[in-house]
């Protein structure tokens, strides 16, 4: 999936942004932003993707996502039926880690909130949260700016002290995802992104980085928790998804352009990764609006 950087800054030039999102469905957009995101899901069902964590979601859940953590909310297929009466509703708060200034998190009284923000780097789902807290999140919409800021700090402190929560993404995900610290990985990704439409395999990559083929396979699987072949197919199918939605090209031609010389193999890999055939994929996602949560 193509990753999108979204602008979540407050349009009113406030220190944080509170929005009430109520649409027929949330849009499937794999995205990130420098703001942390507190989401209180009022209603709707589907699957959320937070870092490398995939899980069903439903109304009543509260999730805190750290800065630059890739995520996506994908509603169930029924929400994309134009005749459906279902709707997706959520309250979303977007804020920078330093929205109260550089020194706020350094004071002793803010220790728990600082720790909360650190854990949010993997995504946090709060369990058994009292209804009053969810009402308070929704109530932020109705407060004047200063009172809203004070109340939001109180909400963060409540969440920071809440004992029933679950950290979602794996601890190493962001390091692997953004790939800035490992020069060997940088070379691997450079080669793959420049050549994935060609007939390449793990031996080609190993030779490019000057590594034994078997050692490369072990290194790649240990780093990504998947084989290089699986990773390469995901890159190719992700590119094919982009072509299918952005062009009117023939499916066989798009499969070939994405690195597959065999239509049957393309269809098989596409369905294995997206759970849909290329034709069904086009039908399903071209119904989406421009709504994002």
Foldseek 3Di string as FASTA:
>chain_A
DDEAEDDQQDPVPAQKDKDKDKFLFAAFHFYFYQWKKKKQWQAFWDWKQWQNFIDIDGHGKIKIAAHRTTMGGGGDLLSLPPPDPHMTIMMMMTHHPQSVHDCPCVDPVNVLLVVVNVLNNQMKIAPPDDPVLVVLSVCLVVDDRVVSVVSVVVSSVVVSPRDGMDRGHDPCRVCLVVVDPDPLVVQLVVVCVVDLLEPDDQVVSCVSSVHDSVVSQVVVCVNPVDGPVLVSLVQLLVQLLVPLQPHPDDSQVSNNSSNDPDSVVSQVSNCVVVVDGSVVSNVRNVSDDPHHD
